[in-house]
């Protein structure tokens, strides 16, 4: 039973090739004084060149001195795009420079990530990435022209975004997640769940949930969120994970019920919805993240400046209110924690993908 499959563009990435110069050194007899003077001169020339190089440590005091390009791996109007624009509007004001949002959707986020990985490491290109684009795509799509850990420097872990498990009101006679689990166990393979596509975040989150709760369900992949939402409301599929922003539009219809949130704690926006942990699955805690990164080798003072500004913006009352109202939990965490979160994501989802034999078709 399938309503569609996610497909990826066949991509080929043109990587810059670094020329190799092989020079045979002639045999020379050099006096000690000449060699010393030459070495001193070369060191001074090297230091001068480094100081004049764009993006070098000597220029970080004036950073930023021109507009910043902020890449988003989703189309304009999507959740990550909206999140980025809420933040960058205030970042631009704080830095006194324009921030240009550059939407580069496609290939599960890998087009945007490759673009940033290959951009100059000068602090003037930033990317908004999330669990799906950085972690899942790196596990599902190989080879890639970048490494999720080595090709980027995490700047700020901006927020977590717990998702909500919903069921069709007519098809599923369950009023709690415990009851839903019991229903699935009595009807193995008969209860269906929708996802936003093979290998999507909704897909892997549900496969992990099924494994931890001991359920067997039928997966129905869609080509994106809109079609999946339509069919869970119409009763074509029985259940699905949705972000809080989507639940906000679904709840008034009365055609679906929210049974649980994926985070360990209840969501501030919907405190009446208990967590999956509360309802008998103690080892299930998933809060997809979103954050900002730059290319590897970006000077540390620039990374620090970007973190300082983005963290401050995320904690501004007006920004926090908008993001929390959309279902996000603000973290504003620094680079070391963000890098560990990326490592943990890769370690968590790798086995899930392997065990469930998930592939991008």
Protein backbone atom coordinates (compact mmCIF):
# COMPACT_ATOMS: atom_id res chain seq x y z
CA UNK A 1 0.00 0.00 0.00
CA UNK A 2 1.68 3.22 -1.11
CA UNK A 3 0.59 6.71 -1.98
CA UNK A 4 3.91 7.81 -3.38
CA UNK A 5 7.65 7.60 -2.92
CA UNK A 6 10.29 10.25 -2.32
CA UNK A 7 12.71 10.57 -5.19
CA UNK A 8 16.01 12.38 -5.41
CA UNK A 9 17.60 14.13 -8.31
CA UNK A 10 20.56 12.31 -9.76
CA UNK A 11 23.21 14.72 -8.65
CA UNK A 12 26.85 15.02 -9.62
CA UNK A 13 28.95 17.46 -7.67
CA UNK A 14 31.85 19.27 -9.31
CA UNK A 15 34.55 19.52 -6.72
CA UNK A 16 37.45 21.92 -7.03
CA UNK A 17 40.71 20.15 -7.83
CA UNK A 18 43.82 21.41 -6.08
CA UNK A 19 46.79 21.41 -8.47
CA UNK A 20 49.89 19.54 -7.41
CA UNK A 21 53.29 21.05 -8.07
CA UNK A 22 56.30 18.77 -7.98
CA UNK A 23 59.63 20.55 -7.97
CA UNK A 24 62.99 18.88 -7.83
CA UNK A 25 65.27 20.79 -5.47
CA UNK A 26 68.74 21.41 -6.90
CA UNK A 27 71.74 20.57 -4.80
CA UNK A 28 73.08 23.83 -3.44
CA UNK A 29 75.79 24.77 -1.02
CA UNK A 30 74.55 27.63 1.14
CA UNK A 31 76.45 29.41 3.83
CA UNK A 32 74.86 29.36 7.28
CA UNK A 33 74.42 33.14 7.32
CA UNK A 34 72.64 33.14 3.93
CA UNK A 35 70.31 30.34 4.98
CA UNK A 36 69.44 32.15 8.19
CA UNK A 37 68.66 35.40 6.40
CA UNK A 38 66.55 33.58 3.80
CA UNK A 39 64.58 31.78 6.49
CA UNK A 40 63.97 35.05 8.36
CA UNK A 41 62.82 36.77 5.16
CA UNK A 42 60.46 33.92 4.23
CA UNK A 43 58.89 33.92 7.70
CA UNK A 44 58.29 37.68 7.52
CA UNK A 45 56.81 37.40 4.03
CA UNK A 46 54.57 34.52 5.14
CA UNK A 47 53.30 36.48 8.12
CA UNK A 48 52.55 39.51 5.96
CA UNK A 49 50.69 37.38 3.42
CA UNK A 50 48.61 35.74 6.14
CA UNK A 51 47.66 39.08 7.62
CA UNK A 52 46.47 40.35 4.23
CA UNK A 53 44.44 37.25 3.34
CA UNK A 54 40.64 37.81 3.39
CA UNK A 55 39.16 35.98 6.38
CA UNK A 56 42.51 35.71 8.11
CA UNK A 57 42.74 36.13 11.88
CA UNK A 58 44.01 39.71 11.51
CA UNK A 59 40.73 40.85 9.88
CA UNK A 60 38.29 39.37 12.35
CA UNK A 61 38.05 42.58 14.39
CA UNK A 62 36.17 44.23 11.51
CA UNK A 63 33.90 41.21 10.95
CA UNK A 64 31.41 41.44 9.40
CA UNK A 65 32.28 44.13 6.88
CA UNK A 66 29.91 42.98 4.11
CA UNK A 67 26.60 41.10 3.70
CA UNK A 68 26.30 37.53 4.98
CA UNK A 69 24.76 34.81 2.82
CA UNK A 70 22.56 32.46 4.87
CA UNK A 71 21.75 29.21 3.07
CA UNK A 72 18.56 27.24 3.70
CA UNK A 73 18.15 23.73 2.28
CA UNK A 74 14.36 24.04 1.97
CA UNK A 75 12.11 26.09 -0.32
CA UNK A 76 10.96 29.55 0.72
CA UNK A 77 7.90 29.41 2.96
CA UNK A 78 8.78 26.15 4.71
CA UNK A 79 9.38 25.73 8.43
CA UNK A 80 13.18 25.98 8.34
CA UNK A 81 12.96 28.99 6.00
CA UNK A 82 10.53 30.74 8.35
CA UNK A 83 12.71 29.92 11.37
CA UNK A 84 15.78 31.31 9.59
CA UNK A 85 14.09 34.54 8.57
CA UNK A 86 12.77 35.17 12.10
CA UNK A 87 16.31 34.87 13.43
CA UNK A 88 18.29 36.53 10.63
CA UNK A 89 16.15 39.64 10.65
CA UNK A 90 17.42 40.37 14.15
CA UNK A 91 20.95 39.07 13.40
CA UNK A 92 21.20 41.59 10.57
CA UNK A 93 20.19 44.42 12.89
CA UNK A 94 22.68 43.30 15.55
CA UNK A 95 25.61 43.00 13.13
CA UNK A 96 24.80 46.07 11.09
CA UNK A 97 25.04 44.15 7.82
CA UNK A 98 22.43 42.66 5.47
CA UNK A 99 21.76 38.93 5.78
CA UNK A 100 20.67 37.43 2.47
CA UNK A 101 18.66 34.21 2.78
CA UNK A 102 19.64 31.85 -0.06
CA UNK A 103 17.16 28.97 -0.54
CA UNK A 104 18.81 25.95 -2.17
CA UNK A 105 16.34 23.04 -1.88
CA UNK A 106 16.76 19.59 -3.38
CA UNK A 107 18.39 16.19 -2.87
CA UNK A 108 17.37 16.00 0.80
CA UNK A 109 19.43 19.05 1.71
CA UNK A 110 22.69 17.84 0.20
CA UNK A 111 22.77 20.53 -2.51
CA UNK A 112 22.79 23.30 0.09
CA UNK A 113 25.26 21.55 2.38
CA UNK A 114 27.68 20.85 -0.48
CA UNK A 115 27.49 24.49 -1.50
CA UNK A 116 28.42 25.70 1.97
CA UNK A 117 31.15 23.07 2.46
CA UNK A 118 32.81 24.31 -0.75
CA UNK A 119 32.38 28.02 0.04
CA UNK A 120 35.23 30.15 1.38
CA UNK A 121 35.74 29.65 5.12
CA UNK A 122 35.49 33.38 5.75
CA UNK A 123 32.41 33.64 7.98
CA UNK A 124 30.25 35.14 5.24
CA UNK A 125 28.35 31.94 4.42
CA UNK A 126 26.16 30.31 7.08
CA UNK A 127 23.68 27.44 6.74
CA UNK A 128 20.60 26.42 8.67
CA UNK A 129 20.63 22.63 9.01
CA UNK A 130 18.53 20.14 10.93
CA UNK A 131 18.35 16.49 11.90
CA UNK A 132 17.00 15.46 8.52
CA UNK A 133 19.30 17.37 6.21
CA UNK A 134 22.59 16.96 8.09
CA UNK A 135 22.27 13.64 9.94
CA UNK A 136 19.79 11.49 8.02
CA UNK A 137 20.93 12.52 4.54
CA UNK A 138 24.53 11.76 5.49
CA UNK A 139 23.50 8.25 6.51
CA UNK A 140 21.20 7.55 3.57
CA UNK A 141 23.00 9.18 0.65
CA UNK A 142 26.57 8.12 -0.07
CA UNK A 143 29.02 9.15 -1.29
CA UNK A 144 28.66 12.86 -0.59
CA UNK A 145 31.13 15.69 -1.30
CA UNK A 146 31.28 16.56 2.40
CA UNK A 147 31.50 14.98 5.84
CA UNK A 148 28.80 15.97 8.37
CA UNK A 149 31.36 16.32 11.16
CA UNK A 150 34.56 17.38 9.42
CA UNK A 151 33.31 19.75 6.70
CA UNK A 152 31.46 22.15 9.00
CA UNK A 153 31.87 24.01 12.27
CA UNK A 154 28.69 24.06 14.37
CA UNK A 155 27.93 27.61 15.47
CA UNK A 156 24.71 27.48 17.48
CA UNK A 157 22.28 24.68 18.29
CA UNK A 158 19.25 26.92 17.96
CA UNK A 159 16.29 24.82 19.07
CA UNK A 160 14.68 21.43 19.47
CA UNK A 161 11.33 20.67 17.91
CA UNK A 162 9.44 17.70 19.46
CA UNK A 163 6.79 16.14 17.22
CA UNK A 164 3.28 14.93 18.01
CA UNK A 165 1.86 11.46 17.38
CA UNK A 166 -1.66 11.76 15.96
CA UNK A 167 -4.31 9.24 14.88
CA UNK A 168 -7.40 9.48 12.70
CA UNK A 169 -10.40 10.05 14.96
CA UNK A 170 -12.75 7.62 13.19
CA UNK A 171 -10.39 4.79 12.27
CA UNK A 172 -8.45 4.43 15.50
CA UNK A 173 -10.39 3.68 18.71
CA UNK A 174 -7.51 4.72 20.97
CA UNK A 175 -7.57 7.66 23.36
CA UNK A 176 -4.02 7.26 24.66
CA UNK A 177 -0.72 6.05 23.31
CA UNK A 178 -0.89 3.00 25.58
CA UNK A 179 -4.19 2.06 23.98
CA UNK A 180 -2.70 2.61 20.53
CA UNK A 181 0.19 0.26 21.28
CA UNK A 182 -2.25 -2.41 22.50
CA UNK A 183 -4.29 -1.98 19.32
CA UNK A 184 -1.21 -2.44 17.13
CA UNK A 185 -0.12 -5.53 19.03
CA UNK A 186 -3.57 -7.08 18.54
CA UNK A 187 -3.50 -6.20 14.83
CA UNK A 188 0.13 -6.58 13.72
CA UNK A 189 0.83 -4.99 10.34
CA UNK A 190 -2.73 -3.72 9.90
CA UNK A 191 -2.46 -0.25 11.43
CA UNK A 192 -0.88 2.13 8.90
CA UNK A 193 1.24 5.21 9.40
CA UNK A 194 2.11 7.93 6.95
CA UNK A 195 5.46 9.62 6.43
CA UNK A 196 6.74 12.53 4.39
CA UNK A 197 8.72 10.07 2.24
CA UNK A 198 11.13 7.14 2.39
CA UNK A 199 14.03 8.05 4.65
CA UNK A 200 12.31 11.20 5.92
CA UNK A 201 12.43 12.21 9.56
CA UNK A 202 8.84 11.02 10.05
CA UNK A 203 9.82 7.62 8.64
CA UNK A 204 12.86 6.97 10.86
CA UNK A 205 11.19 8.43 13.97
CA UNK A 206 8.27 6.03 13.56
CA UNK A 207 10.48 3.01 12.87
CA UNK A 208 12.36 3.71 16.09
CA UNK A 209 9.06 4.14 17.92
CA UNK A 210 7.74 0.85 16.57
CA UNK A 211 10.91 -0.97 17.62
CA UNK A 212 10.95 0.51 21.13
CA UNK A 213 7.22 -0.04 21.72
CA UNK A 214 7.11 -3.51 20.15
CA UNK A 215 4.65 -2.55 17.39
CA UNK A 216 4.43 -3.66 13.78
CA UNK A 217 2.79 -1.11 11.49
CA UNK A 218 2.36 -0.59 7.74
CA UNK A 219 4.42 2.27 6.31
CA UNK A 220 2.80 4.50 3.68
CA UNK A 221 5.29 7.04 2.24
CA UNK A 222 4.12 10.28 0.65
CA UNK A 223 5.79 12.91 -1.46
CA UNK A 224 5.86 15.54 1.23
CA UNK A 225 3.83 16.75 4.19
CA UNK A 226 0.72 18.12 2.48
CA UNK A 227 -0.39 14.83 0.92
CA UNK A 228 0.33 12.92 4.13
CA UNK A 229 -1.68 15.38 6.21
CA UNK A 230 -4.61 15.17 3.81
CA UNK A 231 -4.75 11.38 4.01
CA UNK A 232 -4.42 11.05 7.75
CA UNK A 233 -7.36 13.44 8.08
CA UNK A 234 -9.26 11.52 5.42
CA UNK A 235 -8.64 8.17 7.09
CA UNK A 236 -6.55 6.73 4.27
CA UNK A 237 -3.78 6.19 6.82
CA UNK A 238 -4.31 5.73 10.54
CA UNK A 239 -1.49 7.59 12.27
CA UNK A 240 1.49 9.87 11.77
CA UNK A 241 4.07 12.10 13.46
CA UNK A 242 3.48 15.80 12.75
CA UNK A 243 5.28 18.95 13.89
CA UNK A 244 3.39 21.20 16.33
CA UNK A 245 2.86 23.82 13.62
CA UNK A 246 0.95 21.25 11.55
CA UNK A 247 -1.06 20.05 14.55
CA UNK A 248 -2.15 23.64 15.11
CA UNK A 249 -4.03 23.53 11.79
CA UNK A 250 -5.26 19.95 12.24
CA UNK A 251 -6.65 20.22 15.78
CA UNK A 252 -9.63 22.48 14.95
CA UNK A 253 -10.91 20.01 12.35
CA UNK A 254 -11.65 17.37 14.98
CA UNK A 255 -10.63 14.69 12.48
CA UNK A 256 -7.53 13.59 14.38
CA UNK A 257 -6.46 13.10 18.00
CA UNK A 258 -3.06 13.87 19.51
CA UNK A 259 -1.91 10.97 21.67
CA UNK A 260 1.67 11.82 22.61
CA UNK A 261 4.72 14.04 22.10
CA UNK A 262 8.11 12.64 21.13
CA UNK A 263 10.15 14.54 23.72
CA UNK A 264 10.78 13.38 27.28
CA UNK A 265 9.01 16.41 28.71
CA UNK A 266 5.59 17.71 27.72
CA UNK A 267 5.52 20.49 25.16
CA UNK A 268 4.92 23.95 26.65
CA UNK A 269 2.62 24.79 23.75
CA UNK A 270 0.43 21.71 24.40
CA UNK A 271 0.90 20.72 28.06
CA UNK A 272 -2.22 18.54 27.95
CA UNK A 273 -0.53 16.05 25.58
CA UNK A 274 1.53 13.49 27.55
CA UNK A 275 4.89 12.25 26.35
CA UNK A 276 5.55 8.80 24.92
CA UNK A 277 7.90 8.21 27.86
CA UNK A 278 5.02 8.82 30.29
CA UNK A 279 2.94 6.23 28.49
CA UNK A 280 5.09 3.17 28.84
CA UNK A 281 8.04 3.59 26.43
CA UNK A 282 10.80 4.87 28.73
CA UNK A 283 13.62 4.71 26.17
CA UNK A 284 11.93 6.79 23.46
CA UNK A 285 12.95 10.43 23.47
CA UNK A 286 13.29 12.23 20.13
CA UNK A 287 13.47 15.99 19.68
CA UNK A 288 14.61 16.90 16.17
CA UNK A 289 17.00 19.85 16.24
CA UNK A 290 17.76 22.87 14.07
CA UNK A 291 20.94 24.93 14.11
CA UNK A 292 23.49 27.07 12.29
CA UNK A 293 26.86 26.03 10.85
CA UNK A 294 29.73 27.44 8.79
CA UNK A 295 32.40 25.85 6.61
CA UNK A 296 35.32 24.09 8.31
CA UNK A 297 38.41 26.24 8.94
CA UNK A 298 36.37 29.39 9.50
CA UNK A 299 38.44 31.48 11.99
CA UNK A 300 37.34 30.89 15.56
CA UNK A 301 36.74 34.59 16.36
CA UNK A 302 34.14 34.69 13.57
CA UNK A 303 32.49 31.51 14.85
CA UNK A 304 32.41 33.02 18.34
CA UNK A 305 30.91 36.27 17.05
CA UNK A 306 28.19 34.44 15.14
CA UNK A 307 27.35 32.31 18.16
CA UNK A 308 27.25 35.30 20.48
CA UNK A 309 24.85 37.17 18.21
CA UNK A 310 22.57 34.24 17.28
CA UNK A 311 22.31 33.04 20.88
CA UNK A 312 21.40 36.55 22.03
CA UNK A 313 18.80 36.90 19.27
CA UNK A 314 17.22 33.54 20.10
CA UNK A 315 16.73 34.73 23.68
CA UNK A 316 15.08 38.00 22.71
CA UNK A 317 11.50 38.00 24.00
CA UNK A 318 9.86 38.70 20.64
CA UNK A 319 11.88 36.02 18.84
CA UNK A 320 11.41 33.45 21.59
CA UNK A 321 7.66 34.05 21.62
CA UNK A 322 7.35 33.44 17.87
CA UNK A 323 9.44 30.27 17.94
CA UNK A 324 7.84 28.78 21.05
CA UNK A 325 4.41 29.48 19.58
CA UNK A 326 5.46 27.36 16.59
CA UNK A 327 6.42 24.47 18.87
CA UNK A 328 10.16 24.98 19.22
CA UNK A 329 12.14 24.67 22.45
CA UNK A 330 14.95 27.24 22.45
CA UNK A 331 18.41 25.88 23.29
CA UNK A 332 20.89 28.48 21.92
CA UNK A 333 23.71 26.06 22.77
CA UNK A 334 27.35 26.65 21.79
CA UNK A 335 29.52 24.79 19.29
CA UNK A 336 30.84 21.93 21.49
CA UNK A 337 27.37 20.84 22.56
CA UNK A 338 26.04 21.18 19.02
CA UNK A 339 28.83 19.00 17.65
CA UNK A 340 28.05 16.32 20.25
CA UNK A 341 24.37 16.45 19.31
CA UNK A 342 25.31 15.83 15.67
CA UNK A 343 27.50 12.88 16.72
CA UNK A 344 24.67 11.48 18.86
CA UNK A 345 22.20 11.84 15.96
CA UNK A 346 24.45 9.88 13.62
CA UNK A 347 24.96 7.20 16.28
CA UNK A 348 21.21 6.95 16.99
CA UNK A 349 19.81 6.92 13.48
CA UNK A 350 22.46 4.79 11.79
CA UNK A 351 21.31 1.54 13.45
CA UNK A 352 17.63 2.43 12.99
CA UNK A 353 18.12 2.89 9.26
CA UNK A 354 20.10 -0.33 9.02
CA UNK A 355 17.69 -2.44 11.10
CA UNK A 356 14.61 -1.17 9.24
CA UNK A 357 16.41 -1.44 5.89
CA UNK A 358 15.42 2.12 5.03
CA UNK A 359 16.48 3.36 1.61
CA UNK A 360 15.82 6.40 -0.52
CA UNK A 361 14.01 5.14 -3.63
